[in-house]
């Protein structure tokens, strides 16, 4: 591995640590808290002013809507999958499995942090500040409340997919995937189920550290190679039959 790659790993690791520290150390004060509060109350005010926005936010925070993000990611993945020959398609399946391994590793970081930060709606409600909840206004079971919102697991999984697409399929795949991250992370922030920093700082700092070690080192390539080696080959399966 080149010195440039190692410097990249070190740089992104330090960046992730500093990003997290910049949010943690000031507590419920400072730049990040001010930004979080401003974003939350901006959207909380808007949903009280616009019925169309209210029902859009409620609809995009229904549990079944989470599958739409998965379908978009699957669509991007399939776009490149169908361009491959048999060997390339097997390679892409191994990439998909490696993404899952990366997600498990990232989740371990999440569990080690052990934060139980309430969502914006719950936090301000406990502070006695009146806030609007889309679930109450619409009567729909929309997600707008959480006892443990940090970091954003949903955003973390989307970011892992996005940077794997950049690493193995280039800038166009990255741009399409980043669009999915932005579009499908926003509903949770707009409803108050997540703070902005749950995604930007929480998901961002963990992914910055984990993905730099996975994608800038030979780690992901070696895991892909292991899956390719040990997963049954289609031709061998046919031979056994």
Protein backbone atom coordinates (compact mmCIF):
# COMPACT_ATOMS: atom_id res chain seq x y z
CA UNK A 1 0.00 0.00 0.00
CA UNK A 2 1.34 3.44 -0.94
CA UNK A 3 2.26 6.20 1.49
CA UNK A 4 -0.46 8.35 -0.07
CA UNK A 5 -3.09 5.75 0.83
CA UNK A 6 -1.85 5.49 4.42
CA UNK A 7 -1.93 9.28 4.74
CA UNK A 8 -5.50 9.18 3.44
CA UNK A 9 -6.48 6.58 6.05
CA UNK A 10 -4.83 8.59 8.81
CA UNK A 11 -6.39 11.84 7.58
CA UNK A 12 -9.94 10.47 7.42
CA UNK A 13 -9.55 8.76 10.81
CA UNK A 14 -8.42 12.00 12.45
CA UNK A 15 -11.18 13.88 10.64
CA UNK A 16 -13.80 11.45 11.98
CA UNK A 17 -12.48 11.76 15.54
CA UNK A 18 -12.34 15.57 15.38
CA UNK A 19 -15.80 15.78 13.82
CA UNK A 20 -17.24 13.70 16.64
CA UNK A 21 -15.32 15.66 19.29
CA UNK A 22 -16.54 18.98 17.85
CA UNK A 23 -20.11 17.84 18.53
CA UNK A 24 -19.53 16.04 21.83
CA UNK A 25 -17.42 18.50 23.80
CA UNK A 26 -19.68 21.59 23.70
CA UNK A 27 -22.71 19.48 24.71
CA UNK A 28 -26.08 21.16 24.14
CA UNK A 29 -24.42 24.42 23.16
CA UNK A 30 -22.21 25.77 20.41
CA UNK A 31 -22.31 25.61 16.62
CA UNK A 32 -23.78 22.12 16.13
CA UNK A 33 -26.58 22.62 18.66
CA UNK A 34 -27.49 25.95 17.10
CA UNK A 35 -27.58 24.38 13.64
CA UNK A 36 -29.60 21.38 14.86
CA UNK A 37 -32.17 23.60 16.56
CA UNK A 38 -32.49 25.94 13.59
CA UNK A 39 -33.04 23.09 11.13
CA UNK A 40 -35.57 21.37 13.39
CA UNK A 41 -37.69 24.47 14.07
CA UNK A 42 -37.50 25.55 10.42
CA UNK A 43 -39.19 22.34 9.28
CA UNK A 44 -41.41 22.09 12.37
CA UNK A 45 -42.81 25.51 11.52
CA UNK A 46 -43.29 24.60 7.86
CA UNK A 47 -45.30 21.45 8.54
CA UNK A 48 -47.69 23.56 10.56
CA UNK A 49 -48.11 25.97 7.64
CA UNK A 50 -48.45 23.53 4.73
CA UNK A 51 -50.83 20.58 4.61
CA UNK A 52 -49.09 19.27 1.50
CA UNK A 53 -45.69 19.26 3.23
CA UNK A 54 -47.20 17.79 6.39
CA UNK A 55 -48.59 14.76 4.56
CA UNK A 56 -45.47 14.40 2.41
CA UNK A 57 -43.29 14.28 5.54
CA UNK A 58 -45.71 11.87 7.21
CA UNK A 59 -45.83 9.59 4.16
CA UNK A 60 -42.05 9.48 3.75
CA UNK A 61 -41.67 8.56 7.43
CA UNK A 62 -43.93 5.52 7.29
CA UNK A 63 -42.01 2.29 7.87
CA UNK A 64 -42.84 0.77 4.45
CA UNK A 65 -41.29 3.82 2.77
CA UNK A 66 -37.86 2.67 4.00
CA UNK A 67 -38.08 -0.04 1.35
CA UNK A 68 -38.14 2.65 -1.35
CA UNK A 69 -34.58 3.72 -0.45
CA UNK A 70 -33.51 0.08 -0.65
CA UNK A 71 -35.14 -0.24 -4.08
CA UNK A 72 -33.30 2.84 -5.33
CA UNK A 73 -29.98 1.44 -4.09
CA UNK A 74 -30.83 -1.91 -5.63
CA UNK A 75 -31.64 -0.16 -8.89
CA UNK A 76 -28.27 1.61 -8.96
CA UNK A 77 -26.50 -1.63 -8.10
CA UNK A 78 -28.44 -3.56 -10.75
CA UNK A 79 -27.60 -0.95 -13.39
CA UNK A 80 -23.93 -1.93 -13.05
CA UNK A 81 -24.66 -5.59 -12.36
CA UNK A 82 -26.39 -6.16 -15.71
CA UNK A 83 -23.38 -4.71 -17.54
CA UNK A 84 -21.13 -7.46 -16.17
CA UNK A 85 -20.37 -10.92 -17.48
CA UNK A 86 -20.82 -13.97 -15.22
CA UNK A 87 -17.49 -13.39 -13.47
CA UNK A 88 -18.24 -9.70 -12.96
CA UNK A 89 -21.69 -10.44 -11.54
CA UNK A 90 -20.19 -12.86 -9.03
CA UNK A 91 -17.67 -10.15 -8.11
CA UNK A 92 -20.51 -7.67 -7.54
CA UNK A 93 -22.38 -10.10 -5.31
CA UNK A 94 -19.20 -10.40 -3.24
CA UNK A 95 -19.06 -6.59 -3.04
CA UNK A 96 -22.64 -6.58 -1.73
CA UNK A 97 -21.72 -9.08 0.98
CA UNK A 98 -18.67 -7.01 1.89
CA UNK A 99 -20.90 -3.98 2.31
CA UNK A 100 -22.90 -5.98 4.85
CA UNK A 101 -19.70 -6.89 6.72
CA UNK A 102 -18.78 -3.19 6.76
CA UNK A 103 -22.24 -2.29 8.08
CA UNK A 104 -21.80 -4.80 10.93
CA UNK A 105 -18.40 -3.28 11.80
CA UNK A 106 -19.85 0.24 11.73
CA UNK A 107 -22.69 -0.89 13.98
CA UNK A 108 -20.14 -2.13 16.53
CA UNK A 109 -18.73 1.42 16.68
CA UNK A 110 -22.27 2.68 17.24
CA UNK A 111 -22.78 0.22 20.11
CA UNK A 112 -19.43 1.15 21.68
CA UNK A 113 -20.42 4.82 21.75
CA UNK A 114 -23.52 3.86 23.72
CA UNK A 115 -25.31 7.19 23.31
CA UNK A 116 -29.00 7.52 24.14
CA UNK A 117 -29.69 10.92 22.66
CA UNK A 118 -33.41 11.66 22.30
CA UNK A 119 -34.70 12.89 18.96
CA UNK A 120 -35.44 16.59 18.49
CA UNK A 121 -39.18 16.12 19.05
CA UNK A 122 -38.66 14.24 22.31
CA UNK A 123 -35.88 16.54 23.54
CA UNK A 124 -37.86 19.75 23.14
CA UNK A 125 -41.06 18.17 24.44
CA UNK A 126 -39.22 17.14 27.63
CA UNK A 127 -37.93 20.72 27.87
CA UNK A 128 -41.52 21.95 27.83
CA UNK A 129 -41.24 23.48 24.37
CA UNK A 130 -44.40 22.95 22.26
CA UNK A 131 -43.56 21.14 19.00
CA UNK A 132 -45.61 19.68 16.19
CA UNK A 133 -45.60 15.94 15.52
CA UNK A 134 -46.63 14.67 12.10
CA UNK A 135 -48.02 11.44 13.59
CA UNK A 136 -50.44 13.40 15.78
CA UNK A 137 -51.43 15.90 13.09
CA UNK A 138 -52.13 13.26 10.44
CA UNK A 139 -53.10 10.26 12.55
CA UNK A 140 -50.60 8.17 10.59
CA UNK A 141 -47.98 5.95 12.30
CA UNK A 142 -45.13 8.09 10.97
CA UNK A 143 -41.74 7.98 12.66
CA UNK A 144 -41.22 11.35 14.38
CA UNK A 145 -39.97 10.35 17.85
CA UNK A 146 -37.01 8.37 19.10
CA UNK A 147 -35.30 7.79 22.42
CA UNK A 148 -31.95 6.96 20.80
CA UNK A 149 -31.44 8.89 17.58
CA UNK A 150 -27.62 9.23 17.56
CA UNK A 151 -25.99 8.17 15.32
CA UNK A 152 -28.38 7.75 12.40
CA UNK A 153 -28.26 4.04 11.47
CA UNK A 154 -30.26 4.69 8.32
CA UNK A 155 -27.83 7.38 7.14
CA UNK A 156 -24.87 5.18 8.05
CA UNK A 157 -26.07 2.33 5.81
CA UNK A 158 -26.73 4.74 2.94
CA UNK A 159 -23.25 6.26 3.27
CA UNK A 160 -21.60 2.83 3.26
CA UNK A 161 -23.37 1.97 0.00
CA UNK A 162 -22.48 5.35 -1.51
CA UNK A 163 -18.75 5.13 -0.87
CA UNK A 164 -18.53 1.52 -1.99
CA UNK A 165 -20.10 2.62 -5.27
CA UNK A 166 -17.48 5.38 -5.55
CA UNK A 167 -14.62 2.97 -4.79
CA UNK A 168 -15.64 0.31 -7.29
CA UNK A 169 -17.79 2.05 -9.92
CA UNK A 170 -16.68 5.65 -10.08
CA UNK A 171 -18.05 9.18 -9.81
CA UNK A 172 -21.34 8.70 -11.68
CA UNK A 173 -22.33 5.85 -9.38
CA UNK A 174 -21.27 7.99 -6.41
CA UNK A 175 -23.38 10.97 -7.57
CA UNK A 176 -26.50 8.80 -8.01
CA UNK A 177 -25.97 7.17 -4.61
CA UNK A 178 -25.32 10.49 -2.88
CA UNK A 179 -28.63 11.74 -4.26
CA UNK A 180 -30.33 8.78 -2.56
CA UNK A 181 -28.55 9.60 0.73
CA UNK A 182 -29.78 13.20 0.71
CA UNK A 183 -33.34 12.47 -0.40
CA UNK A 184 -33.94 9.56 1.98
CA UNK A 185 -32.17 11.04 5.01
CA UNK A 186 -34.14 14.28 4.92
CA UNK A 187 -37.60 12.93 5.91
CA UNK A 188 -36.33 11.77 9.32
CA UNK A 189 -34.75 15.19 9.91
CA UNK A 190 -37.86 17.05 8.71
CA UNK A 191 -40.11 15.09 11.07
CA UNK A 192 -37.78 15.53 14.04
CA UNK A 193 -37.10 11.82 14.39
CA UNK A 194 -33.43 12.65 13.88
CA UNK A 195 -31.30 15.72 14.38
CA UNK A 196 -29.21 16.89 11.43
CA UNK A 197 -26.07 15.95 13.36
CA UNK A 198 -27.30 12.37 13.83
CA UNK A 199 -26.44 11.95 10.15
CA UNK A 200 -23.78 14.60 9.49
CA UNK A 201 -21.75 14.00 12.66
CA UNK A 202 -22.89 10.59 13.94
CA UNK A 203 -23.07 8.65 10.68
CA UNK A 204 -20.40 10.84 9.07
CA UNK A 205 -17.74 10.38 11.75
CA UNK A 206 -18.22 6.61 12.06
CA UNK A 207 -18.23 6.10 8.29
CA UNK A 208 -15.19 8.35 7.87
CA UNK A 209 -13.19 6.07 10.17
CA UNK A 210 -14.57 2.67 9.15
CA UNK A 211 -14.69 3.29 5.40
CA UNK A 212 -11.18 4.75 5.26
CA UNK A 213 -9.81 1.52 6.77
CA UNK A 214 -12.00 -0.63 4.54
CA UNK A 215 -11.69 1.16 1.21
CA UNK A 216 -8.31 2.90 1.27
CA UNK A 217 -6.53 -0.22 2.51
CA UNK A 218 -6.67 -3.67 0.84
CA UNK A 219 -9.27 -4.78 3.44
CA UNK A 220 -12.36 -4.64 1.21
CA UNK A 221 -10.55 -6.27 -1.72
CA UNK A 222 -9.38 -9.12 0.51
CA UNK A 223 -12.86 -9.69 1.96
CA UNK A 224 -14.30 -9.69 -1.57
CA UNK A 225 -11.64 -12.21 -2.59
CA UNK A 226 -12.51 -14.42 0.41
CA UNK A 227 -16.18 -14.44 -0.53
CA UNK A 228 -15.26 -15.21 -4.12
CA UNK A 229 -13.09 -18.09 -2.98
CA UNK A 230 -15.50 -19.76 -0.59
CA UNK A 231 -18.92 -19.10 -2.08
CA UNK A 232 -20.08 -22.01 -4.26
CA UNK A 233 -19.54 -21.54 -7.99
CA UNK A 234 -22.50 -22.04 -10.28
CA UNK A 235 -20.60 -24.35 -12.64
CA UNK A 236 -19.48 -26.54 -9.70
CA UNK A 237 -23.07 -26.73 -8.44
CA UNK A 238 -24.20 -27.92 -11.87
CA UNK A 239 -21.43 -30.53 -11.96
CA UNK A 240 -22.57 -31.98 -8.61
CA UNK A 241 -26.08 -32.34 -9.95
